[in-house]
Amino acid sequence: MTYQETLSALADPTRRAILEALSGSPHSVGELSAQLPVSRPAVSQHLKTLAAAELVLANRQGTRNIYRLNPNGMAALRAYLDRYWGDVLSGFAEDINQTKR
């Protein structure tokens, strides 16, 4: 999975809302669709995209899949974004130092 594919998966507001819901606790498709203004099949498709981006995992429980955040995928995304955050902070510090001179 590339970062471009992961970021592309996060471009959709419904997928971001699903991640927000899963950040609290694991949920089934039905539980997620009850919280969102989209159908169960649409939630399933969004979860498929998030799983392909390695951001969520599914565990089979009886006839249902229970989805949760993938700690490894989320850690990789954070490491990628932290790299840019470090650059932003360095640039900010540089601007402050130039302003003081």
PDB file of N, CA and C in Angstrom:
ATOM      1  N   MET A   1       0.850  -1.182   0.000  1.00  0.00           N
ATOM      2  CA  MET A   1       0.000   0.000   0.000  1.00  0.00           C
ATOM      3  C   MET A   1       0.889   1.236   0.000  1.00  0.00           C
ATOM      4  N   THR A   2       0.580   2.149  -0.888  1.00  0.00           N
ATOM      5  CA  THR A   2       1.337   3.399  -0.931  1.00  0.00           C
ATOM      6  C   THR A   2       0.606   4.472  -0.134  1.00  0.00           C
ATOM      7  N   TYR A   3       1.355   5.497   0.250  1.00  0.00           N
ATOM      8  CA  TYR A   3       0.740   6.596   0.989  1.00  0.00           C
ATOM      9  C   TYR A   3      -0.291   7.315   0.124  1.00  0.00           C
ATOM     10  N   GLN A   4      -0.040   7.353  -1.178  1.00  0.00           N
ATOM     11  CA  GLN A   4      -1.006   8.002  -2.064  1.00  0.00           C
ATOM     12  C   GLN A   4      -2.348   7.264  -2.017  1.00  0.00           C
ATOM     13  N   GLU A   5      -2.316   5.940  -2.005  1.00  0.00           N
ATOM     14  CA  GLU A   5      -3.552   5.158  -1.924  1.00  0.00           C
ATOM     15  C   GLU A   5      -4.241   5.360  -0.571  1.00  0.00           C
ATOM     16  N   THR A   6      -3.440   5.430   0.488  1.00  0.00           N
ATOM     17  CA  THR A   6      -4.007   5.646   1.820  1.00  0.00           C
ATOM     18  C   THR A   6      -4.647   7.019   1.905  1.00  0.00           C
ATOM     19  N   LEU A   7      -3.950   8.029   1.435  1.00  0.00           N
ATOM     20  CA  LEU A   7      -4.509   9.381   1.474  1.00  0.00           C
ATOM     21  C   LEU A   7      -5.727   9.500   0.564  1.00  0.00           C
ATOM     22  N   SER A   8      -5.713   8.796  -0.549  1.00  0.00           N
ATOM     23  CA  SER A   8      -6.870   8.794  -1.444  1.00  0.00           C
ATOM     24  C   SER A   8      -8.083   8.179  -0.745  1.00  0.00           C
ATOM     25  N   ALA A   9      -7.858   7.119   0.026  1.00  0.00           N
ATOM     26  CA  ALA A   9      -8.953   6.494   0.776  1.00  0.00           C
ATOM     27  C   ALA A   9      -9.536   7.470   1.797  1.00  0.00           C
ATOM     28  N   LEU A  10      -8.694   8.328   2.351  1.00  0.00           N
ATOM     29  CA  LEU A  10      -9.151   9.290   3.358  1.00  0.00           C
ATOM     30  C   LEU A  10      -9.766  10.544   2.753  1.00  0.00           C
ATOM     31  N   ALA A  11      -9.738  10.666   1.444  1.00  0.00           N
ATOM     32  CA  ALA A  11     -10.279  11.858   0.792  1.00  0.00           C
ATOM     33  C   ALA A  11     -11.799  11.941   0.918  1.00  0.00           C
ATOM     34  N   ASP A  12     -12.441  10.819   1.109  1.00  0.00           N
ATOM     35  CA  ASP A  12     -13.904  10.789   1.180  1.00  0.00           C
ATOM     36  C   ASP A  12     -14.379  11.081   2.608  1.00  0.00           C
ATOM     37  N   PRO A  13     -15.300  12.018   2.786  1.00  0.00           N
ATOM     38  CA  PRO A  13     -15.770  12.361   4.140  1.00  0.00           C
ATOM     39  C   PRO A  13     -16.485  11.210   4.852  1.00  0.00           C
ATOM     40  N   THR A  14     -17.151  10.337   4.115  1.00  0.00           N
ATOM     41  CA  THR A  14     -17.812   9.194   4.751  1.00  0.00           C
ATOM     42  C   THR A  14     -16.778   8.234   5.323  1.00  0.00           C
ATOM     43  N   ARG A  15     -15.694   8.010   4.585  1.00  0.00           N
ATOM     44  CA  ARG A  15     -14.649   7.124   5.094  1.00  0.00           C
ATOM     45  C   ARG A  15     -13.976   7.727   6.326  1.00  0.00           C
ATOM     46  N   ARG A  16     -13.797   9.042   6.329  1.00  0.00           N
ATOM     47  CA  ARG A  16     -13.236   9.691   7.523  1.00  0.00           C
ATOM     48  C   ARG A  16     -14.196   9.549   8.700  1.00  0.00           C
ATOM     49  N   ALA A  17     -15.491   9.653   8.449  1.00  0.00           N
ATOM     50  CA  ALA A  17     -16.490   9.480   9.516  1.00  0.00           C
ATOM     51  C   ALA A  17     -16.464   8.044  10.045  1.00  0.00           C
ATOM     52  N   ILE A  18     -16.265   7.085   9.176  1.00  0.00           N
ATOM     53  CA  ILE A  18     -16.151   5.691   9.613  1.00  0.00           C
ATOM     54  C   ILE A  18     -14.937   5.518  10.515  1.00  0.00           C
ATOM     55  N   LEU A  19     -13.808   6.096  10.127  1.00  0.00           N
ATOM     56  CA  LEU A  19     -12.619   6.011  10.974  1.00  0.00           C
ATOM     57  C   LEU A  19     -12.866   6.657  12.328  1.00  0.00           C
ATOM     58  N   GLU A  20     -13.559   7.791  12.336  1.00  0.00           N
ATOM     59  CA  GLU A  20     -13.890   8.456  13.604  1.00  0.00           C
ATOM     60  C   GLU A  20     -14.717   7.531  14.488  1.00  0.00           C
ATOM     61  N   ALA A  21     -15.713   6.878  13.898  1.00  0.00           N
ATOM     62  CA  ALA A  21     -16.570   5.975  14.664  1.00  0.00           C
ATOM     63  C   ALA A  21     -15.769   4.793  15.204  1.00  0.00           C
ATOM     64  N   LEU A  22     -14.871   4.266  14.383  1.00  0.00           N
ATOM     65  CA  LEU A  22     -14.074   3.113  14.800  1.00  0.00           C
ATOM     66  C   LEU A  22     -12.985   3.481  15.797  1.00  0.00           C
ATOM     67  N   SER A  23     -12.660   4.751  15.901  1.00  0.00           N
ATOM     68  CA  SER A  23     -11.627   5.148  16.861  1.00  0.00           C
ATOM     69  C   SER A  23     -12.104   4.945  18.299  1.00  0.00           C
ATOM     70  N   GLY A  24     -13.409   4.937  18.508  1.00  0.00           N
ATOM     71  CA  GLY A  24     -13.953   4.719  19.842  1.00  0.00           C
ATOM     72  C   GLY A  24     -14.045   3.246  20.204  1.00  0.00           C
ATOM     73  N   SER A  25     -14.512   2.442  19.256  1.00  0.00           N
ATOM     74  CA  SER A  25     -14.656   1.004  19.500  1.00  0.00           C
ATOM     75  C   SER A  25     -14.986   0.311  18.182  1.00  0.00           C
ATOM     76  N   PRO A  26     -14.796  -1.009  18.129  1.00  0.00           N
ATOM     77  CA  PRO A  26     -15.151  -1.758  16.920  1.00  0.00           C
ATOM     78  C   PRO A  26     -16.656  -1.726  16.673  1.00  0.00           C
ATOM     79  N   HIS A  27     -17.043  -1.824  15.402  1.00  0.00           N
ATOM     80  CA  HIS A  27     -18.459  -1.797  15.023  1.00  0.00           C
ATOM     81  C   HIS A  27     -18.711  -2.728  13.846  1.00  0.00           C
ATOM     82  N   SER A  28     -19.952  -3.175  13.750  1.00  0.00           N
ATOM     83  CA  SER A  28     -20.411  -3.927  12.579  1.00  0.00           C
ATOM     84  C   SER A  28     -20.857  -2.924  11.512  1.00  0.00           C
ATOM     85  N   VAL A  29     -21.097  -3.434  10.322  1.00  0.00           N
ATOM     86  CA  VAL A  29     -21.584  -2.579   9.232  1.00  0.00           C
ATOM     87  C   VAL A  29     -22.916  -1.945   9.621  1.00  0.00           C
ATOM     88  N   GLY A  30     -23.805  -2.734  10.215  1.00  0.00           N
ATOM     89  CA  GLY A  30     -25.107  -2.209  10.627  1.00  0.00           C
ATOM     90  C   GLY A  30     -24.989  -1.094  11.642  1.00  0.00           C
ATOM     91  N   GLU A  31     -24.104  -1.264  12.613  1.00  0.00           N
ATOM     92  CA  GLU A  31     -23.896  -0.222  13.625  1.00  0.00           C
ATOM     93  C   GLU A  31     -23.346   1.054  12.990  1.00  0.00           C
ATOM     94  N   LEU A  32     -22.429   0.885  12.045  1.00  0.00           N
ATOM     95  CA  LEU A  32     -21.866   2.060  11.372  1.00  0.00           C
ATOM     96  C   LEU A  32     -22.912   2.751  10.502  1.00  0.00           C
ATOM     97  N   SER A  33     -23.701   1.972   9.772  1.00  0.00           N
ATOM     98  CA  SER A  33     -24.696   2.594   8.891  1.00  0.00           C
ATOM     99  C   SER A  33     -25.771   3.320   9.693  1.00  0.00           C
ATOM    100  N   ALA A  34     -26.020   2.885  10.923  1.00  0.00           N
ATOM    101  CA  ALA A  34     -27.000   3.575  11.774  1.00  0.00           C
ATOM    102  C   ALA A  34     -26.497   4.951  12.193  1.00  0.00           C
ATOM    103  N   GLN A  35     -25.169   5.138  12.182  1.00  0.00           N
ATOM    104  CA  GLN A  35     -24.570   6.416  12.575  1.00  0.00           C
ATOM    105  C   GLN A  35     -24.324   7.347  11.387  1.00  0.00           C
ATOM    106  N   LEU A  36     -24.482   6.831  10.184  1.00  0.00           N
ATOM    107  CA  LEU A  36     -24.126   7.591   8.979  1.00  0.00           C
ATOM    108  C   LEU A  36     -25.323   7.738   8.046  1.00  0.00           C
ATOM    109  N   PRO A  37     -25.313   8.775   7.221  1.00  0.00           N
ATOM    110  CA  PRO A  37     -26.432   8.981   6.288  1.00  0.00           C
ATOM    111  C   PRO A  37     -26.273   8.194   4.980  1.00  0.00           C
ATOM    112  N   VAL A  38     -25.728   6.965   5.076  1.00  0.00           N
ATOM    113  CA  VAL A  38     -25.555   6.126   3.885  1.00  0.00           C
ATOM    114  C   VAL A  38     -26.054   4.715   4.192  1.00  0.00           C
ATOM    115  N   SER A  39     -26.316   3.952   3.153  1.00  0.00           N
ATOM    116  CA  SER A  39     -26.865   2.606   3.303  1.00  0.00           C
ATOM    117  C   SER A  39     -25.793   1.612   3.763  1.00  0.00           C
ATOM    118  N   ARG A  40     -26.260   0.452   4.196  1.00  0.00           N
ATOM    119  CA  ARG A  40     -25.334  -0.620   4.580  1.00  0.00           C
ATOM    120  C   ARG A  40     -24.414  -1.015   3.430  1.00  0.00           C
ATOM    121  N   PRO A  41     -24.956  -1.199   2.208  1.00  0.00           N
ATOM    122  CA  PRO A  41     -24.055  -1.544   1.099  1.00  0.00           C
ATOM    123  C   PRO A  41     -22.992  -0.465   0.856  1.00  0.00           C
ATOM    124  N   ALA A  42     -23.364   0.794   1.014  1.00  0.00           N
ATOM    125  CA  ALA A  42     -22.387   1.880   0.829  1.00  0.00           C
ATOM    126  C   ALA A  42     -21.318   1.821   1.914  1.00  0.00           C
ATOM    127  N   VAL A  43     -21.730   1.574   3.153  1.00  0.00           N
ATOM    128  CA  VAL A  43     -20.756   1.443   4.247  1.00  0.00           C
ATOM    129  C   VAL A  43     -19.818   0.279   3.963  1.00  0.00           C
ATOM    130  N   SER A  44     -20.364  -0.830   3.479  1.00  0.00           N
ATOM    131  CA  SER A  44     -19.533  -1.989   3.145  1.00  0.00           C
ATOM    132  C   SER A  44     -18.488  -1.648   2.088  1.00  0.00           C
ATOM    133  N   GLN A  45     -18.895  -0.885   1.082  1.00  0.00           N
ATOM    134  CA  GLN A  45     -17.949  -0.488   0.042  1.00  0.00           C
ATOM    135  C   GLN A  45     -16.862   0.435   0.601  1.00  0.00           C
ATOM    136  N   HIS A  46     -17.256   1.363   1.460  1.00  0.00           N
ATOM    137  CA  HIS A  46     -16.269   2.250   2.086  1.00  0.00           C
ATOM    138  C   HIS A  46     -15.302   1.451   2.964  1.00  0.00           C
ATOM    139  N   LEU A  47     -15.819   0.466   3.695  1.00  0.00           N
ATOM    140  CA  LEU A  47     -14.960  -0.374   4.532  1.00  0.00           C
ATOM    141  C   LEU A  47     -14.001  -1.199   3.682  1.00  0.00           C
ATOM    142  N   LYS A  48     -14.462  -1.629   2.530  1.00  0.00           N
ATOM    143  CA  LYS A  48     -13.591  -2.378   1.609  1.00  0.00           C
ATOM    144  C   LYS A  48     -12.416  -1.501   1.176  1.00  0.00           C
ATOM    145  N   THR A  49     -12.696  -0.248   0.873  1.00  0.00           N
ATOM    146  CA  THR A  49     -11.648   0.689   0.475  1.00  0.00           C
ATOM    147  C   THR A  49     -10.684   0.939   1.631  1.00  0.00           C
ATOM    148  N   LEU A  50     -11.226   1.133   2.834  1.00  0.00           N
ATOM    149  CA  LEU A  50     -10.377   1.370   4.008  1.00  0.00           C
ATOM    150  C   LEU A  50      -9.536   0.142   4.343  1.00  0.00           C
ATOM    151  N   ALA A  51     -10.089  -1.049   4.143  1.00  0.00           N
ATOM    152  CA  ALA A  51      -9.330  -2.278   4.382  1.00  0.00           C
ATOM    153  C   ALA A  51      -8.208  -2.421   3.353  1.00  0.00           C
ATOM    154  N   ALA A  52      -8.491  -2.089   2.094  1.00  0.00           N
ATOM    155  CA  ALA A  52      -7.458  -2.149   1.061  1.00  0.00           C
ATOM    156  C   ALA A  52      -6.331  -1.155   1.349  1.00  0.00           C
ATOM    157  N   ALA A  53      -6.675  -0.052   1.999  1.00  0.00           N
ATOM    158  CA  ALA A  53      -5.676   0.955   2.377  1.00  0.00           C
ATOM    159  C   ALA A  53      -4.991   0.598   3.697  1.00  0.00           C
ATOM    160  N   GLU A  54      -5.347  -0.569   4.231  1.00  0.00           N
ATOM    161  CA  GLU A  54      -4.761  -1.097   5.467  1.00  0.00           C
ATOM    162  C   GLU A  54      -5.046  -0.228   6.691  1.00  0.00           C
ATOM    163  N   LEU A  55      -6.191   0.457   6.676  1.00  0.00           N
ATOM    164  CA  LEU A  55      -6.571   1.311   7.798  1.00  0.00           C
ATOM    165  C   LEU A  55      -7.550   0.639   8.743  1.00  0.00           C
ATOM    166  N   VAL A  56      -8.268  -0.390   8.268  1.00  0.00           N
ATOM    167  CA  VAL A  56      -9.188  -1.126   9.134  1.00  0.00           C
ATOM    168  C   VAL A  56      -8.978  -2.630   8.960  1.00  0.00           C
ATOM    169  N   LEU A  57      -9.379  -3.365   9.987  1.00  0.00           N
ATOM    170  CA  LEU A  57      -9.345  -4.825   9.976  1.00  0.00           C
ATOM    171  C   LEU A  57     -10.745  -5.341  10.279  1.00  0.00           C
ATOM    172  N   ALA A  58     -11.064  -6.524   9.761  1.00  0.00           N
ATOM    173  CA  ALA A  58     -12.362  -7.140  10.024  1.00  0.00           C
ATOM    174  C   ALA A  58     -12.145  -8.464  10.751  1.00  0.00           C
ATOM    175  N   ASN A  59     -12.966  -8.684  11.763  1.00  0.00           N
ATOM    176  CA  ASN A  59     -12.981  -9.957  12.476  1.00  0.00           C
ATOM    177  C   ASN A  59     -14.365 -10.555  12.330  1.00  0.00           C
ATOM    178  N   ARG A  60     -14.421 -11.800  11.904  1.00  0.00           N
ATOM    179  CA  ARG A  60     -15.707 -12.482  11.709  1.00  0.00           C
ATOM    180  C   ARG A  60     -16.249 -12.918  13.059  1.00  0.00           C
ATOM    181  N   GLN A  61     -17.492 -12.545  13.341  1.00  0.00           N
ATOM    182  CA  GLN A  61     -18.194 -12.986  14.546  1.00  0.00           C
ATOM    183  C   GLN A  61     -19.564 -13.489  14.119  1.00  0.00           C
ATOM    184  N   GLY A  62     -19.680 -14.781  13.992  1.00  0.00           N
ATOM    185  CA  GLY A  62     -20.935 -15.356  13.506  1.00  0.00           C
ATOM    186  C   GLY A  62     -21.160 -14.968  12.062  1.00  0.00           C
ATOM    187  N   THR A  63     -22.281 -14.317  11.810  1.00  0.00           N
ATOM    188  CA  THR A  63     -22.615 -13.903  10.442  1.00  0.00           C
ATOM    189  C   THR A  63     -22.175 -12.477  10.142  1.00  0.00           C
ATOM    190  N   ARG A  64     -21.562 -11.815  11.122  1.00  0.00           N
ATOM    191  CA  ARG A  64     -21.186 -10.408  10.947  1.00  0.00           C
ATOM    192  C   ARG A  64     -19.667 -10.240  10.945  1.00  0.00           C
ATOM    193  N   ASN A  65     -19.230  -9.199  10.267  1.00  0.00           N
ATOM    194  CA  ASN A  65     -17.852  -8.740  10.370  1.00  0.00           C
ATOM    195  C   ASN A  65     -17.836  -7.567  11.340  1.00  0.00           C
ATOM    196  N   ILE A  66     -16.916  -7.596  12.256  1.00  0.00           N
ATOM    197  CA  ILE A  66     -16.725  -6.485  13.181  1.00  0.00           C
ATOM    198  C   ILE A  66     -15.444  -5.785  12.767  1.00  0.00           C
ATOM    199  N   TYR A  67     -15.571  -4.503  12.486  1.00  0.00           N
ATOM    200  CA  TYR A  67     -14.440  -3.717  11.988  1.00  0.00           C
ATOM    201  C   TYR A  67     -13.812  -2.905  13.109  1.00  0.00           C
ATOM    202  N   ARG A  68     -12.489  -2.776  13.019  1.00  0.00           N
ATOM    203  CA  ARG A  68     -11.731  -1.953  13.963  1.00  0.00           C
ATOM    204  C   ARG A  68     -10.583  -1.313  13.217  1.00  0.00           C
ATOM    205  N   LEU A  69      -9.999  -0.296  13.825  1.00  0.00           N
ATOM    206  CA  LEU A  69      -8.836   0.339  13.219  1.00  0.00           C
ATOM    207  C   LEU A  69      -7.675  -0.645  13.189  1.00  0.00           C
ATOM    208  N   ASN A  70      -6.877  -0.548  12.152  1.00  0.00           N
ATOM    209  CA  ASN A  70      -5.667  -1.356  12.033  1.00  0.00           C
ATOM    210  C   ASN A  70      -4.522  -0.565  12.656  1.00  0.00           C
ATOM    211  N   PRO A  71      -4.022  -0.972  13.824  1.00  0.00           N
ATOM    212  CA  PRO A  71      -2.970  -0.193  14.488  1.00  0.00           C
ATOM    213  C   PRO A  71      -1.732  -0.001  13.613  1.00  0.00           C
ATOM    214  N   ASN A  72      -1.377  -1.022  12.836  1.00  0.00           N
ATOM    215  CA  ASN A  72      -0.187  -0.902  11.989  1.00  0.00           C
ATOM    216  C   ASN A  72      -0.397   0.107  10.859  1.00  0.00           C
ATOM    217  N   GLY A  73      -1.554   0.062  10.241  1.00  0.00           N
ATOM    218  CA  GLY A  73      -1.852   1.008   9.165  1.00  0.00           C
ATOM    219  C   GLY A  73      -1.952   2.435   9.670  1.00  0.00           C
ATOM    220  N   MET A  74      -2.576   2.606  10.830  1.00  0.00           N
ATOM    221  CA  MET A  74      -2.701   3.946  11.407  1.00  0.00           C
ATOM    222  C   MET A  74      -1.333   4.478  11.842  1.00  0.00           C
ATOM    223  N   ALA A  75      -0.476   3.600  12.375  1.00  0.00           N
ATOM    224  CA  ALA A  75       0.877   4.015  12.782  1.00  0.00           C
ATOM    225  C   ALA A  75       1.697   4.436  11.568  1.00  0.00           C
ATOM    226  N   ALA A  76       1.558   3.702  10.471  1.00  0.00           N
ATOM    227  CA  ALA A  76       2.284   4.062   9.249  1.00  0.00           C
ATOM    228  C   ALA A  76       1.809   5.412   8.711  1.00  0.00           C
ATOM    229  N   LEU A  77       0.493   5.645   8.759  1.00  0.00           N
ATOM    230  CA  LEU A  77      -0.051   6.928   8.319  1.00  0.00           C
ATOM    231  C   LEU A  77       0.461   8.054   9.206  1.00  0.00           C
ATOM    232  N   ARG A  78       0.459   7.821  10.507  1.00  0.00           N
ATOM    233  CA  ARG A  78       0.940   8.852  11.428  1.00  0.00           C
ATOM    234  C   ARG A  78       2.419   9.153  11.178  1.00  0.00           C
ATOM    235  N   ALA A  79       3.234   8.131  10.976  1.00  0.00           N
ATOM    236  CA  ALA A  79       4.662   8.342  10.711  1.00  0.00           C
ATOM    237  C   ALA A  79       4.841   9.183   9.452  1.00  0.00           C
ATOM    238  N   TYR A  80       4.042   8.911   8.449  1.00  0.00           N
ATOM    239  CA  TYR A  80       4.109   9.678   7.204  1.00  0.00           C
ATOM    240  C   TYR A  80       3.753  11.142   7.455  1.00  0.00           C
ATOM    241  N   LEU A  81       2.663  11.380   8.175  1.00  0.00           N
ATOM    242  CA  LEU A  81       2.236  12.752   8.451  1.00  0.00           C
ATOM    243  C   LEU A  81       3.172  13.462   9.425  1.00  0.00           C
ATOM    244  N   ASP A  82       3.717  12.730  10.396  1.00  0.00           N
ATOM    245  CA  ASP A  82       4.659  13.328  11.350  1.00  0.00           C
ATOM    246  C   ASP A  82       5.890  13.877  10.649  1.00  0.00           C
ATOM    247  N   ARG A  83       6.281  13.227   9.579  1.00  0.00           N
ATOM    248  CA  ARG A  83       7.433  13.711   8.809  1.00  0.00           C
ATOM    249  C   ARG A  83       7.175  15.132   8.299  1.00  0.00           C
ATOM    250  N   TYR A  84       5.979  15.371   7.830  1.00  0.00           N
ATOM    251  CA  TYR A  84       5.633  16.708   7.347  1.00  0.00           C
ATOM    252  C   TYR A  84       5.453  17.686   8.500  1.00  0.00           C
ATOM    253  N   TRP A  85       4.896  17.218   9.587  1.00  0.00           N
ATOM    254  CA  TRP A  85       4.694  18.066  10.750  1.00  0.00           C
ATOM    255  C   TRP A  85       6.034  18.573  11.266  1.00  0.00           C
ATOM    256  N   GLY A  86       7.036  17.711  11.301  1.00  0.00           N
ATOM    257  CA  GLY A  86       8.377  18.122  11.712  1.00  0.00           C
ATOM    258  C   GLY A  86       8.925  19.212  10.805  1.00  0.00           C
ATOM    259  N   ASP A  87       8.706  19.077   9.514  1.00  0.00           N
ATOM    260  CA  ASP A  87       9.144  20.101   8.557  1.00  0.00           C
ATOM    261  C   ASP A  87       8.418  21.422   8.805  1.00  0.00           C
ATOM    262  N   VAL A  88       7.123  21.351   9.088  1.00  0.00           N
ATOM    263  CA  VAL A  88       6.338  22.561   9.354  1.00  0.00           C
ATOM    264  C   VAL A  88       6.850  23.262  10.608  1.00  0.00           C
ATOM    265  N   LEU A  89       7.090  22.509  11.663  1.00  0.00           N
ATOM    266  CA  LEU A  89       7.590  23.111  12.905  1.00  0.00           C
ATOM    267  C   LEU A  89       8.972  23.719  12.719  1.00  0.00           C
ATOM    268  N   SER A  90       9.826  23.055  11.957  1.00  0.00           N
ATOM    269  CA  SER A  90      11.160  23.602  11.694  1.00  0.00           C
ATOM    270  C   SER A  90      11.050  24.914  10.924  1.00  0.00           C
ATOM    271  N   GLY A  91      10.175  24.944   9.933  1.00  0.00           N
ATOM    272  CA  GLY A  91       9.972  26.172   9.160  1.00  0.00           C
ATOM    273  C   GLY A  91       9.413  27.287  10.012  1.00  0.00           C
ATOM    274  N   PHE A  92       8.505  26.949  10.909  1.00  0.00           N
ATOM    275  CA  PHE A  92       7.916  27.927  11.814  1.00  0.00           C
ATOM    276  C   PHE A  92       8.987  28.502  12.737  1.00  0.00           C
ATOM    277  N   ALA A  93       9.830  27.638  13.298  1.00  0.00           N
ATOM    278  CA  ALA A  93      10.895  28.085  14.175  1.00  0.00           C
ATOM    279  C   ALA A  93      11.874  28.979  13.422  1.00  0.00           C
ATOM    280  N   GLU A  94      12.154  28.627  12.195  1.00  0.00           N
ATOM    281  CA  GLU A  94      13.054  29.435  11.364  1.00  0.00           C
ATOM    282  C   GLU A  94      12.455  30.822  11.119  1.00  0.00           C
ATOM    283  N   ASP A  95      11.174  30.890  10.829  1.00  0.00           N
ATOM    284  CA  ASP A  95      10.493  32.177  10.620  1.00  0.00           C
ATOM    285  C   ASP A  95      10.536  33.036  11.885  1.00  0.00           C
ATOM    286  N   ILE A  96      10.330  32.427  13.023  1.00  0.00           N
ATOM    287  CA  ILE A  96      10.370  33.160  14.280  1.00  0.00           C
ATOM    288  C   ILE A  96      11.761  33.716  14.530  1.00  0.00           C
ATOM    289  N   ASN A  97      12.780  32.917  14.296  1.00  0.00           N
ATOM    290  CA  ASN A  97      14.151  33.361  14.502  1.00  0.00           C
ATOM    291  C   ASN A  97      14.527  34.510  13.562  1.00  0.00           C
ATOM    292  N   GLN A  98      14.035  34.477  12.333  1.00  0.00           N
ATOM    293  CA  GLN A  98      14.315  35.552  11.389  1.00  0.00           C
ATOM    294  C   GLN A  98      13.594  36.830  11.787  1.00  0.00           C
ATOM    295  N   THR A  99      12.406  36.694  12.331  1.00  0.00           N
ATOM    296  CA  THR A  99      11.627  37.850  12.765  1.00  0.00           C
ATOM    297  C   THR A  99      12.303  38.542  13.950  1.00  0.00           C
ATOM    298  N   LYS A 100      12.915  37.771  14.838  1.00  0.00           N
ATOM    299  CA  LYS A 100      13.591  38.329  16.017  1.00  0.00           C
ATOM    300  C   LYS A 100      14.840  39.101  15.636  1.00  0.00           C
ATOM    301  N   ARG A 101      15.438  38.787  14.520  1.00  0.00           N
ATOM    302  CA  ARG A 101      16.700  39.441  14.103  1.00  0.00           C
ATOM    303  C   ARG A 101      16.438  40.780  13.544  1.00  0.00           C
TER     304      ARG A 101
END
